[in-house]
Amino acid sequence: MVKGVLKTWKEDRGFGFIKPDNGGKDIFIHISALNAVSRRPTTGDVIYYQIAKDNRGKYKAVNAQIEGVSLTDDKAEDLLKTGSRKKRVVAMAIGLIIIIAVAVFLSYK
């Protein structure tokens, strides 16, 4: 995780820029990168984040967390359930494929 300070934040548009502690160019951050925090960010917040490239090749913050701000109960629970939810979807998809394969096989008999 990289650490920086939220330099600017446009609440009405849901984005801002982080000044990295290690220097370098400011990093774009969208509210969706902070989807599990219990409050909206404000200028001056210390942000921990990962860096990714967007579809235009520009760097942005992802998987961000505001220092000292906890996850919301709902969001924390959702994050814990994500793995089991994916497993259920995959199991249901495999089951559906098996049912279709059996139906096709039986229709040709």
PDB file of N, CA and C in Angstrom:
ATOM      1  N   MET A   1       0.839  -1.177   0.000  1.00  0.00           N
ATOM      2  CA  MET A   1       0.000   0.000   0.000  1.00  0.00           C
ATOM      3  C   MET A   1       0.887   1.245   0.000  1.00  0.00           C
ATOM      4  N   VAL A   2       0.431   2.248  -0.718  1.00  0.00           N
ATOM      5  CA  VAL A   2       1.117   3.528  -0.790  1.00  0.00           C
ATOM      6  C   VAL A   2       0.370   4.493   0.128  1.00  0.00           C
ATOM      7  N   LYS A   3       1.083   5.435   0.692  1.00  0.00           N
ATOM      8  CA  LYS A   3       0.492   6.395   1.612  1.00  0.00           C
ATOM      9  C   LYS A   3       0.599   7.789   1.020  1.00  0.00           C
ATOM     10  N   GLY A   4      -0.440   8.587   1.214  1.00  0.00           N
ATOM     11  CA  GLY A   4      -0.423   9.964   0.747  1.00  0.00           C
ATOM     12  C   GLY A   4      -1.484  10.779   1.461  1.00  0.00           C
ATOM     13  N   VAL A   5      -1.525  12.049   1.142  1.00  0.00           N
ATOM     14  CA  VAL A   5      -2.497  12.971   1.750  1.00  0.00           C
ATOM     15  C   VAL A   5      -3.450  13.451   0.666  1.00  0.00           C
ATOM     16  N   LEU A   6      -4.736  13.453   0.985  1.00  0.00           N
ATOM     17  CA  LEU A   6      -5.726  13.937   0.035  1.00  0.00           C
ATOM     18  C   LEU A   6      -5.554  15.443  -0.118  1.00  0.00           C
ATOM     19  N   LYS A   7      -5.052  15.830  -1.274  1.00  0.00           N
ATOM     20  CA  LYS A   7      -4.711  17.228  -1.546  1.00  0.00           C
ATOM     21  C   LYS A   7      -5.947  18.036  -1.929  1.00  0.00           C
ATOM     22  N   THR A   8      -6.786  17.464  -2.790  1.00  0.00           N
ATOM     23  CA  THR A   8      -8.023  18.129  -3.203  1.00  0.00           C
ATOM     24  C   THR A   8      -9.137  17.095  -3.232  1.00  0.00           C
ATOM     25  N   TRP A   9     -10.367  17.554  -2.987  1.00  0.00           N
ATOM     26  CA  TRP A   9     -11.519  16.670  -3.069  1.00  0.00           C
ATOM     27  C   TRP A   9     -12.724  17.466  -3.559  1.00  0.00           C
ATOM     28  N   LYS A  10     -13.335  17.008  -4.624  1.00  0.00           N
ATOM     29  CA  LYS A  10     -14.533  17.630  -5.180  1.00  0.00           C
ATOM     30  C   LYS A  10     -15.722  16.756  -4.796  1.00  0.00           C
ATOM     31  N   GLU A  11     -16.340  17.101  -3.688  1.00  0.00           N
ATOM     32  CA  GLU A  11     -17.441  16.300  -3.146  1.00  0.00           C
ATOM     33  C   GLU A  11     -18.576  16.143  -4.150  1.00  0.00           C
ATOM     34  N   ASP A  12     -18.914  17.217  -4.853  1.00  0.00           N
ATOM     35  CA  ASP A  12     -20.024  17.165  -5.799  1.00  0.00           C
ATOM     36  C   ASP A  12     -19.750  16.244  -6.988  1.00  0.00           C
ATOM     37  N   ARG A  13     -18.486  15.979  -7.269  1.00  0.00           N
ATOM     38  CA  ARG A  13     -18.132  15.131  -8.417  1.00  0.00           C
ATOM     39  C   ARG A  13     -17.565  13.779  -7.985  1.00  0.00           C
ATOM     40  N   GLY A  14     -17.260  13.639  -6.686  1.00  0.00           N
ATOM     41  CA  GLY A  14     -16.808  12.353  -6.166  1.00  0.00           C
ATOM     42  C   GLY A  14     -15.396  11.950  -6.533  1.00  0.00           C
ATOM     43  N   PHE A  15     -14.509  12.930  -6.695  1.00  0.00           N
ATOM     44  CA  PHE A  15     -13.114  12.593  -6.970  1.00  0.00           C
ATOM     45  C   PHE A  15     -12.187  13.664  -6.421  1.00  0.00           C
ATOM     46  N   GLY A  16     -10.903  13.322  -6.400  1.00  0.00           N
ATOM     47  CA  GLY A  16      -9.888  14.262  -5.947  1.00  0.00           C
ATOM     48  C   GLY A  16      -8.503  13.757  -6.323  1.00  0.00           C
ATOM     49  N   PHE A  17      -7.493  14.336  -5.680  1.00  0.00           N
ATOM     50  CA  PHE A  17      -6.111  13.964  -5.960  1.00  0.00           C
ATOM     51  C   PHE A  17      -5.340  13.782  -4.662  1.00  0.00           C
ATOM     52  N   ILE A  18      -4.509  12.757  -4.650  1.00  0.00           N
ATOM     53  CA  ILE A  18      -3.669  12.428  -3.503  1.00  0.00           C
ATOM     54  C   ILE A  18      -2.244  12.859  -3.802  1.00  0.00           C
ATOM     55  N   LYS A  19      -1.602  13.498  -2.831  1.00  0.00           N
ATOM     56  CA  LYS A  19      -0.173  13.832  -2.917  1.00  0.00           C
ATOM     57  C   LYS A  19       0.578  12.689  -2.241  1.00  0.00           C
ATOM     58  N   PRO A  20       1.299  11.858  -3.011  1.00  0.00           N
ATOM     59  CA  PRO A  20       2.011  10.728  -2.422  1.00  0.00           C
ATOM     60  C   PRO A  20       3.097  11.179  -1.449  1.00  0.00           C
ATOM     61  N   ASP A  21       3.241  10.452  -0.342  1.00  0.00           N
ATOM     62  CA  ASP A  21       4.285  10.770   0.639  1.00  0.00           C
ATOM     63  C   ASP A  21       5.680  10.649   0.046  1.00  0.00           C
ATOM     64  N   ASN A  22       5.845   9.736  -0.906  1.00  0.00           N
ATOM     65  CA  ASN A  22       7.173   9.535  -1.488  1.00  0.00           C
ATOM     66  C   ASN A  22       7.469  10.488  -2.639  1.00  0.00           C
ATOM     67  N   GLY A  23       6.618  11.490  -2.826  1.00  0.00           N
ATOM     68  CA  GLY A  23       6.815  12.451  -3.904  1.00  0.00           C
ATOM     69  C   GLY A  23       6.214  11.955  -5.198  1.00  0.00           C
ATOM     70  N   GLY A  24       6.520  12.618  -6.249  1.00  0.00           N
ATOM     71  CA  GLY A  24       5.977  12.230  -7.546  1.00  0.00           C
ATOM     72  C   GLY A  24       4.679  12.953  -7.850  1.00  0.00           C
ATOM     73  N   LYS A  25       4.080  12.559  -8.963  1.00  0.00           N
ATOM     74  CA  LYS A  25       2.860  13.208  -9.428  1.00  0.00           C
ATOM     75  C   LYS A  25       1.674  12.861  -8.530  1.00  0.00           C
ATOM     76  N   ASP A  26       0.732  13.796  -8.453  1.00  0.00           N
ATOM     77  CA  ASP A  26      -0.501  13.546  -7.717  1.00  0.00           C
ATOM     78  C   ASP A  26      -1.250  12.388  -8.372  1.00  0.00           C
ATOM     79  N   ILE A  27      -1.963  11.620  -7.546  1.00  0.00           N
ATOM     80  CA  ILE A  27      -2.689  10.446  -8.011  1.00  0.00           C
ATOM     81  C   ILE A  27      -4.190  10.714  -7.938  1.00  0.00           C
ATOM     82  N   PHE A  28      -4.886  10.441  -9.030  1.00  0.00           N
ATOM     83  CA  PHE A  28      -6.335  10.585  -9.092  1.00  0.00           C
ATOM     84  C   PHE A  28      -6.993   9.534  -8.191  1.00  0.00           C
ATOM     85  N   ILE A  29      -8.040   9.943  -7.483  1.00  0.00           N
ATOM     86  CA  ILE A  29      -8.826   8.990  -6.702  1.00  0.00           C
ATOM     87  C   ILE A  29     -10.307   9.276  -6.914  1.00  0.00           C
ATOM     88  N   HIS A  30     -11.063   8.232  -7.186  1.00  0.00           N
ATOM     89  CA  HIS A  30     -12.513   8.327  -7.341  1.00  0.00           C
ATOM     90  C   HIS A  30     -13.153   7.730  -6.095  1.00  0.00           C
ATOM     91  N   ILE A  31     -14.342   8.190  -5.773  1.00  0.00           N
ATOM     92  CA  ILE A  31     -15.039   7.710  -4.577  1.00  0.00           C
ATOM     93  C   ILE A  31     -15.194   6.195  -4.589  1.00  0.00           C
ATOM     94  N   SER A  32     -15.282   5.586  -5.761  1.00  0.00           N
ATOM     95  CA  SER A  32     -15.437   4.134  -5.841  1.00  0.00           C
ATOM     96  C   SER A  32     -14.213   3.387  -5.304  1.00  0.00           C
ATOM     97  N   ALA A  33     -13.059   4.039  -5.241  1.00  0.00           N
ATOM     98  CA  ALA A  33     -11.863   3.414  -4.672  1.00  0.00           C
ATOM     99  C   ALA A  33     -11.962   3.317  -3.160  1.00  0.00           C
ATOM    100  N   LEU A  34     -12.878   4.078  -2.571  1.00  0.00           N
ATOM    101  CA  LEU A  34     -13.086   4.110  -1.121  1.00  0.00           C
ATOM    102  C   LEU A  34     -14.437   3.505  -0.755  1.00  0.00           C
ATOM    103  N   ASN A  35     -14.833   2.451  -1.446  1.00  0.00           N
ATOM    104  CA  ASN A  35     -16.198   1.963  -1.304  1.00  0.00           C
ATOM    105  C   ASN A  35     -16.505   1.288   0.023  1.00  0.00           C
ATOM    106  N   ALA A  36     -15.544   1.061   0.869  1.00  0.00           N
ATOM    107  CA  ALA A  36     -15.818   0.358   2.120  1.00  0.00           C
ATOM    108  C   ALA A  36     -15.620   1.229   3.363  1.00  0.00           C
ATOM    109  N   VAL A  37     -15.443   2.516   3.208  1.00  0.00           N
ATOM    110  CA  VAL A  37     -15.214   3.370   4.368  1.00  0.00           C
ATOM    111  C   VAL A  37     -16.533   3.912   4.918  1.00  0.00           C
ATOM    112  N   SER A  38     -16.517   4.249   6.205  1.00  0.00           N
ATOM    113  CA  SER A  38     -17.748   4.667   6.876  1.00  0.00           C
ATOM    114  C   SER A  38     -18.069   6.147   6.693  1.00  0.00           C
ATOM    115  N   ARG A  39     -17.163   6.911   6.072  1.00  0.00           N
ATOM    116  CA  ARG A  39     -17.456   8.322   5.794  1.00  0.00           C
ATOM    117  C   ARG A  39     -16.780   8.749   4.508  1.00  0.00           C
ATOM    118  N   ARG A  40     -17.240   9.861   3.976  1.00  0.00           N
ATOM    119  CA  ARG A  40     -16.646  10.424   2.755  1.00  0.00           C
ATOM    120  C   ARG A  40     -15.297  11.066   3.104  1.00  0.00           C
ATOM    121  N   PRO A  41     -14.379  11.105   2.160  1.00  0.00           N
ATOM    122  CA  PRO A  41     -13.074  11.720   2.432  1.00  0.00           C
ATOM    123  C   PRO A  41     -13.165  13.242   2.486  1.00  0.00           C
ATOM    124  N   THR A  42     -12.189  13.842   3.151  1.00  0.00           N
ATOM    125  CA  THR A  42     -12.064  15.298   3.184  1.00  0.00           C
ATOM    126  C   THR A  42     -10.605  15.668   2.938  1.00  0.00           C
ATOM    127  N   THR A  43     -10.393  16.851   2.420  1.00  0.00           N
ATOM    128  CA  THR A  43      -9.042  17.330   2.160  1.00  0.00           C
ATOM    129  C   THR A  43      -8.218  17.219   3.439  1.00  0.00           C
ATOM    130  N   GLY A  44      -6.999  16.694   3.305  1.00  0.00           N
ATOM    131  CA  GLY A  44      -6.109  16.516   4.448  1.00  0.00           C
ATOM    132  C   GLY A  44      -6.100  15.111   5.016  1.00  0.00           C
ATOM    133  N   ASP A  45      -7.059  14.266   4.610  1.00  0.00           N
ATOM    134  CA  ASP A  45      -7.078  12.877   5.080  1.00  0.00           C
ATOM    135  C   ASP A  45      -5.831  12.142   4.593  1.00  0.00           C
ATOM    136  N   VAL A  46      -5.305  11.270   5.453  1.00  0.00           N
ATOM    137  CA  VAL A  46      -4.219  10.373   5.050  1.00  0.00           C
ATOM    138  C   VAL A  46      -4.879   9.160   4.403  1.00  0.00           C
ATOM    139  N   ILE A  47      -4.449   8.846   3.195  1.00  0.00           N
ATOM    140  CA  ILE A  47      -5.048   7.763   2.414  1.00  0.00           C
ATOM    141  C   ILE A  47      -3.996   6.696   2.138  1.00  0.00           C
ATOM    142  N   TYR A  48      -4.359   5.443   2.359  1.00  0.00           N
ATOM    143  CA  TYR A  48      -3.546   4.293   1.956  1.00  0.00           C
ATOM    144  C   TYR A  48      -4.216   3.705   0.726  1.00  0.00           C
ATOM    145  N   TYR A  49      -3.449   3.393  -0.295  1.00  0.00           N
ATOM    146  CA  TYR A  49      -4.044   2.964  -1.550  1.00  0.00           C
ATOM    147  C   TYR A  49      -3.062   2.139  -2.372  1.00  0.00           C
ATOM    148  N   GLN A  50      -3.597   1.491  -3.377  1.00  0.00           N
ATOM    149  CA  GLN A  50      -2.794   0.807  -4.380  1.00  0.00           C
ATOM    150  C   GLN A  50      -2.909   1.616  -5.664  1.00  0.00           C
ATOM    151  N   ILE A  51      -1.946   1.454  -6.543  1.00  0.00           N
ATOM    152  CA  ILE A  51      -1.933   2.205  -7.794  1.00  0.00           C
ATOM    153  C   ILE A  51      -2.240   1.266  -8.960  1.00  0.00           C
ATOM    154  N   ALA A  52      -3.091   1.746  -9.857  1.00  0.00           N
ATOM    155  CA  ALA A  52      -3.427   1.002 -11.074  1.00  0.00           C
ATOM    156  C   ALA A  52      -3.498   1.994 -12.226  1.00  0.00           C
ATOM    157  N   LYS A  53      -3.454   1.469 -13.436  1.00  0.00           N
ATOM    158  CA  LYS A  53      -3.624   2.321 -14.617  1.00  0.00           C
ATOM    159  C   LYS A  53      -5.073   2.237 -15.063  1.00  0.00           C
ATOM    160  N   ASP A  54      -5.621   3.384 -15.461  1.00  0.00           N
ATOM    161  CA  ASP A  54      -6.971   3.372 -16.011  1.00  0.00           C
ATOM    162  C   ASP A  54      -6.916   2.974 -17.480  1.00  0.00           C
ATOM    163  N   ASN A  55      -8.068   2.960 -18.147  1.00  0.00           N
ATOM    164  CA  ASN A  55      -8.099   2.511 -19.540  1.00  0.00           C
ATOM    165  C   ASN A  55      -7.419   3.476 -20.510  1.00  0.00           C
ATOM    166  N   ARG A  56      -7.020   4.650 -20.031  1.00  0.00           N
ATOM    167  CA  ARG A  56      -6.278   5.601 -20.874  1.00  0.00           C
ATOM    168  C   ARG A  56      -4.794   5.625 -20.534  1.00  0.00           C
ATOM    169  N   GLY A  57      -4.373   4.721 -19.626  1.00  0.00           N
ATOM    170  CA  GLY A  57      -2.968   4.631 -19.267  1.00  0.00           C
ATOM    171  C   GLY A  57      -2.535   5.582 -18.160  1.00  0.00           C
ATOM    172  N   LYS A  58      -3.493   6.263 -17.534  1.00  0.00           N
ATOM    173  CA  LYS A  58      -3.159   7.173 -16.434  1.00  0.00           C
ATOM    174  C   LYS A  58      -3.266   6.435 -15.105  1.00  0.00           C
ATOM    175  N   TYR A  59      -2.456   6.869 -14.147  1.00  0.00           N
ATOM    176  CA  TYR A  59      -2.451   6.224 -12.844  1.00  0.00           C
ATOM    177  C   TYR A  59      -3.598   6.717 -11.981  1.00  0.00           C
ATOM    178  N   LYS A  60      -4.136   5.784 -11.164  1.00  0.00           N
ATOM    179  CA  LYS A  60      -5.225   6.126 -10.258  1.00  0.00           C
ATOM    180  C   LYS A  60      -5.099   5.285  -8.993  1.00  0.00           C
ATOM    181  N   ALA A  61      -5.734   5.743  -7.938  1.00  0.00           N
ATOM    182  CA  ALA A  61      -5.758   4.998  -6.686  1.00  0.00           C
ATOM    183  C   ALA A  61      -6.894   3.981  -6.724  1.00  0.00           C
ATOM    184  N   VAL A  62      -6.628   2.795  -6.199  1.00  0.00           N
ATOM    185  CA  VAL A  62      -7.642   1.751  -6.062  1.00  0.00           C
ATOM    186  C   VAL A  62      -7.502   1.119  -4.684  1.00  0.00           C
ATOM    187  N   ASN A  63      -8.530   0.413  -4.245  1.00  0.00           N
ATOM    188  CA  ASN A  63      -8.511  -0.274  -2.948  1.00  0.00           C
ATOM    189  C   ASN A  63      -8.015   0.645  -1.833  1.00  0.00           C
ATOM    190  N   ALA A  64      -8.598   1.824  -1.762  1.00  0.00           N
ATOM    191  CA  ALA A  64      -8.120   2.852  -0.830  1.00  0.00           C
ATOM    192  C   ALA A  64      -8.822   2.786   0.520  1.00  0.00           C
ATOM    193  N   GLN A  65      -8.138   3.272   1.526  1.00  0.00           N
ATOM    194  CA  GLN A  65      -8.654   3.322   2.893  1.00  0.00           C
ATOM    195  C   GLN A  65      -8.192   4.637   3.527  1.00  0.00           C
ATOM    196  N   ILE A  66      -9.072   5.279   4.265  1.00  0.00           N
ATOM    197  CA  ILE A  66      -8.717   6.505   4.980  1.00  0.00           C
ATOM    198  C   ILE A  66      -8.147   6.107   6.331  1.00  0.00           C
ATOM    199  N   GLU A  67      -6.981   6.650   6.666  1.00  0.00           N
ATOM    200  CA  GLU A  67      -6.347   6.324   7.944  1.00  0.00           C
ATOM    201  C   GLU A  67      -7.274   6.681   9.103  1.00  0.00           C
ATOM    202  N   GLY A  68      -7.450   5.720  10.012  1.00  0.00           N
ATOM    203  CA  GLY A  68      -8.259   5.959  11.199  1.00  0.00           C
ATOM    204  C   GLY A  68      -9.756   5.858  10.989  1.00  0.00           C
ATOM    205  N   VAL A  69     -10.187   5.561   9.787  1.00  0.00           N
ATOM    206  CA  VAL A  69     -11.619   5.438   9.504  1.00  0.00           C
ATOM    207  C   VAL A  69     -11.922   3.964   9.288  1.00  0.00           C
ATOM    208  N   SER A  70     -12.889   3.468  10.050  1.00  0.00           N
ATOM    209  CA  SER A  70     -13.213   2.050   9.970  1.00  0.00           C
ATOM    210  C   SER A  70     -14.075   1.738   8.758  1.00  0.00           C
ATOM    211  N   LEU A  71     -14.143   0.458   8.457  1.00  0.00           N
ATOM    212  CA  LEU A  71     -15.054  -0.004   7.424  1.00  0.00           C
ATOM    213  C   LEU A  71     -16.472   0.068   7.981  1.00  0.00           C
ATOM    214  N   THR A  72     -17.424   0.319   7.125  1.00  0.00           N
ATOM    215  CA  THR A  72     -18.808   0.273   7.579  1.00  0.00           C
ATOM    216  C   THR A  72     -19.144  -1.168   7.896  1.00  0.00           C
ATOM    217  N   ASP A  73     -20.062  -1.380   8.813  1.00  0.00           N
ATOM    218  CA  ASP A  73     -20.440  -2.740   9.173  1.00  0.00           C
ATOM    219  C   ASP A  73     -20.932  -3.504   7.959  1.00  0.00           C
ATOM    220  N   ASP A  74     -21.782  -2.871   7.160  1.00  0.00           N
ATOM    221  CA  ASP A  74     -22.319  -3.526   5.965  1.00  0.00           C
ATOM    222  C   ASP A  74     -21.209  -3.827   4.977  1.00  0.00           C
ATOM    223  N   LYS A  75     -20.316  -2.860   4.766  1.00  0.00           N
ATOM    224  CA  LYS A  75     -19.247  -3.049   3.791  1.00  0.00           C
ATOM    225  C   LYS A  75     -18.271  -4.116   4.266  1.00  0.00           C
ATOM    226  N   ALA A  76     -17.935  -4.129   5.560  1.00  0.00           N
ATOM    227  CA  ALA A  76     -17.017  -5.130   6.087  1.00  0.00           C
ATOM    228  C   ALA A  76     -17.621  -6.521   5.922  1.00  0.00           C
ATOM    229  N   GLU A  77     -18.910  -6.640   6.217  1.00  0.00           N
ATOM    230  CA  GLU A  77     -19.589  -7.916   6.054  1.00  0.00           C
ATOM    231  C   GLU A  77     -19.609  -8.333   4.583  1.00  0.00           C
ATOM    232  N   ASP A  78     -19.873  -7.385   3.681  1.00  0.00           N
ATOM    233  CA  ASP A  78     -19.878  -7.680   2.247  1.00  0.00           C
ATOM    234  C   ASP A  78     -18.512  -8.166   1.784  1.00  0.00           C
ATOM    235  N   LEU A  79     -17.448  -7.523   2.277  1.00  0.00           N
ATOM    236  CA  LEU A  79     -16.106  -7.930   1.879  1.00  0.00           C
ATOM    237  C   LEU A  79     -15.809  -9.354   2.335  1.00  0.00           C
ATOM    238  N   LEU A  80     -16.275  -9.716   3.531  1.00  0.00           N
ATOM    239  CA  LEU A  80     -16.059 -11.065   4.028  1.00  0.00           C
ATOM    240  C   LEU A  80     -16.855 -12.092   3.232  1.00  0.00           C
ATOM    241  N   LYS A  81     -18.032 -11.700   2.765  1.00  0.00           N
ATOM    242  CA  LYS A  81     -18.898 -12.625   2.039  1.00  0.00           C
ATOM    243  C   LYS A  81     -18.561 -12.741   0.567  1.00  0.00           C
ATOM    244  N   THR A  82     -17.726 -11.862   0.035  1.00  0.00           N
ATOM    245  CA  THR A  82     -17.457 -11.835  -1.402  1.00  0.00           C
ATOM    246  C   THR A  82     -16.973 -13.176  -1.918  1.00  0.00           C
ATOM    247  N   GLY A  83     -16.061 -13.816  -1.211  1.00  0.00           N
ATOM    248  CA  GLY A  83     -15.537 -15.103  -1.662  1.00  0.00           C
ATOM    249  C   GLY A  83     -16.616 -16.162  -1.735  1.00  0.00           C
ATOM    250  N   SER A  84     -17.457 -16.272  -0.707  1.00  0.00           N
ATOM    251  CA  SER A  84     -18.493 -17.296  -0.719  1.00  0.00           C
ATOM    252  C   SER A  84     -19.552 -16.979  -1.772  1.00  0.00           C
ATOM    253  N   ARG A  85     -19.826 -15.721  -2.019  1.00  0.00           N
ATOM    254  CA  ARG A  85     -20.792 -15.338  -3.047  1.00  0.00           C
ATOM    255  C   ARG A  85     -20.292 -15.770  -4.421  1.00  0.00           C
ATOM    256  N   LYS A  86     -19.014 -15.554  -4.680  1.00  0.00           N
ATOM    257  CA  LYS A  86     -18.442 -15.968  -5.966  1.00  0.00           C
ATOM    258  C   LYS A  86     -18.510 -17.481  -6.122  1.00  0.00           C
ATOM    259  N   LYS A  87     -18.249 -18.214  -5.049  1.00  0.00           N
ATOM    260  CA  LYS A  87     -18.303 -19.674  -5.111  1.00  0.00           C
ATOM    261  C   LYS A  87     -19.720 -20.147  -5.417  1.00  0.00           C
ATOM    262  N   ARG A  88     -20.717 -19.493  -4.825  1.00  0.00           N
ATOM    263  CA  ARG A  88     -22.107 -19.870  -5.090  1.00  0.00           C
ATOM    264  C   ARG A  88     -22.472 -19.624  -6.546  1.00  0.00           C
ATOM    265  N   VAL A  89     -22.040 -18.501  -7.092  1.00  0.00           N
ATOM    266  CA  VAL A  89     -22.335 -18.180  -8.492  1.00  0.00           C
ATOM    267  C   VAL A  89     -21.690 -19.205  -9.418  1.00  0.00           C
ATOM    268  N   VAL A  90     -20.442 -19.542  -9.154  1.00  0.00           N
ATOM    269  CA  VAL A  90     -19.751 -20.527  -9.977  1.00  0.00           C
ATOM    270  C   VAL A  90     -20.444 -21.883  -9.868  1.00  0.00           C
ATOM    271  N   ALA A  91     -20.812 -22.294  -8.661  1.00  0.00           N
ATOM    272  CA  ALA A  91     -21.498 -23.578  -8.474  1.00  0.00           C
ATOM    273  C   ALA A  91     -22.832 -23.594  -9.207  1.00  0.00           C
ATOM    274  N   MET A  92     -23.575 -22.498  -9.146  1.00  0.00           N
ATOM    275  CA  MET A  92     -24.854 -22.422  -9.846  1.00  0.00           C
ATOM    276  C   MET A  92     -24.647 -22.489 -11.354  1.00  0.00           C
ATOM    277  N   ALA A  93     -23.629 -21.822 -11.861  1.00  0.00           N
ATOM    278  CA  ALA A  93     -23.347 -21.848 -13.300  1.00  0.00           C
ATOM    279  C   ALA A  93     -22.983 -23.262 -13.749  1.00  0.00           C
ATOM    280  N   ILE A  94     -22.161 -23.938 -12.977  1.00  0.00           N
ATOM    281  CA  ILE A  94     -21.778 -25.312 -13.320  1.00  0.00           C
ATOM    282  C   ILE A  94     -23.006 -26.221 -13.283  1.00  0.00           C
ATOM    283  N   GLY A  95     -23.839 -26.052 -12.270  1.00  0.00           N
ATOM    284  CA  GLY A  95     -25.069 -26.843 -12.184  1.00  0.00           C
ATOM    285  C   GLY A  95     -25.963 -26.624 -13.386  1.00  0.00           C
ATOM    286  N   LEU A  96     -26.106 -25.387 -13.798  1.00  0.00           N
ATOM    287  CA  LEU A  96     -26.930 -25.065 -14.960  1.00  0.00           C
ATOM    288  C   LEU A  96     -26.364 -25.697 -16.235  1.00  0.00           C
ATOM    289  N   ILE A  97     -25.064 -25.665 -16.393  1.00  0.00           N
ATOM    290  CA  ILE A  97     -24.417 -26.276 -17.561  1.00  0.00           C
ATOM    291  C   ILE A  97     -24.667 -27.784 -17.569  1.00  0.00           C
ATOM    292  N   ILE A  98     -24.584 -28.412 -16.405  1.00  0.00           N
ATOM    293  CA  ILE A  98     -24.823 -29.858 -16.318  1.00  0.00           C
ATOM    294  C   ILE A  98     -26.270 -30.180 -16.684  1.00  0.00           C
ATOM    295  N   ILE A  99     -27.211 -29.400 -16.185  1.00  0.00           N
ATOM    296  CA  ILE A  99     -28.628 -29.623 -16.503  1.00  0.00           C
ATOM    297  C   ILE A  99     -28.873 -29.476 -18.004  1.00  0.00           C
ATOM    298  N   ILE A 100     -28.300 -28.459 -18.605  1.00  0.00           N
ATOM    299  CA  ILE A 100     -28.462 -28.244 -20.054  1.00  0.00           C
ATOM    300  C   ILE A 100     -27.833 -29.401 -20.819  1.00  0.00           C
ATOM    301  N   ALA A 101     -26.657 -29.854 -20.415  1.00  0.00           N
ATOM    302  CA  ALA A 101     -25.979 -30.962 -21.092  1.00  0.00           C
ATOM    303  C   ALA A 101     -26.804 -32.240 -21.002  1.00  0.00           C
ATOM    304  N   VAL A 102     -27.388 -32.519 -19.831  1.00  0.00           N
ATOM    305  CA  VAL A 102     -28.232 -33.696 -19.676  1.00  0.00           C
ATOM    306  C   VAL A 102     -29.472 -33.579 -20.548  1.00  0.00           C
ATOM    307  N   ALA A 103     -30.101 -32.400 -20.588  1.00  0.00           N
ATOM    308  CA  ALA A 103     -31.291 -32.199 -21.408  1.00  0.00           C
ATOM    309  C   ALA A 103     -30.974 -32.398 -22.888  1.00  0.00           C
ATOM    310  N   VAL A 104     -29.855 -31.880 -23.351  1.00  0.00           N
ATOM    311  CA  VAL A 104     -29.456 -32.056 -24.745  1.00  0.00           C
ATOM    312  C   VAL A 104     -29.194 -33.522 -25.038  1.00  0.00           C
ATOM    313  N   PHE A 105     -28.498 -34.192 -24.124  1.00  0.00           N
ATOM    314  CA  PHE A 105     -28.197 -35.621 -24.310  1.00  0.00           C
ATOM    315  C   PHE A 105     -29.481 -36.433 -24.394  1.00  0.00           C
ATOM    316  N   LEU A 106     -30.424 -36.159 -23.494  1.00  0.00           N
ATOM    317  CA  LEU A 106     -31.690 -36.922 -23.470  1.00  0.00           C
ATOM    318  C   LEU A 106     -32.560 -36.609 -24.691  1.00  0.00           C
ATOM    319  N   SER A 107     -32.452 -35.399 -25.228  1.00  0.00           N
ATOM    320  CA  SER A 107     -33.269 -35.048 -26.378  1.00  0.00           C
ATOM    321  C   SER A 107     -32.802 -35.760 -27.644  1.00  0.00           C
ATOM    322  N   TYR A 108     -31.555 -36.204 -27.682  1.00  0.00           N
ATOM    323  CA  TYR A 108     -31.046 -36.920 -28.848  1.00  0.00           C
ATOM    324  C   TYR A 108     -31.247 -38.423 -28.751  1.00  0.00           C
ATOM    325  N   LYS A 109     -31.734 -38.940 -27.648  1.00  0.00           N
ATOM    326  CA  LYS A 109     -31.946 -40.381 -27.469  1.00  0.00           C
ATOM    327  C   LYS A 109     -33.212 -40.834 -28.102  1.00  0.00           C
TER     328      LYS A 109
END
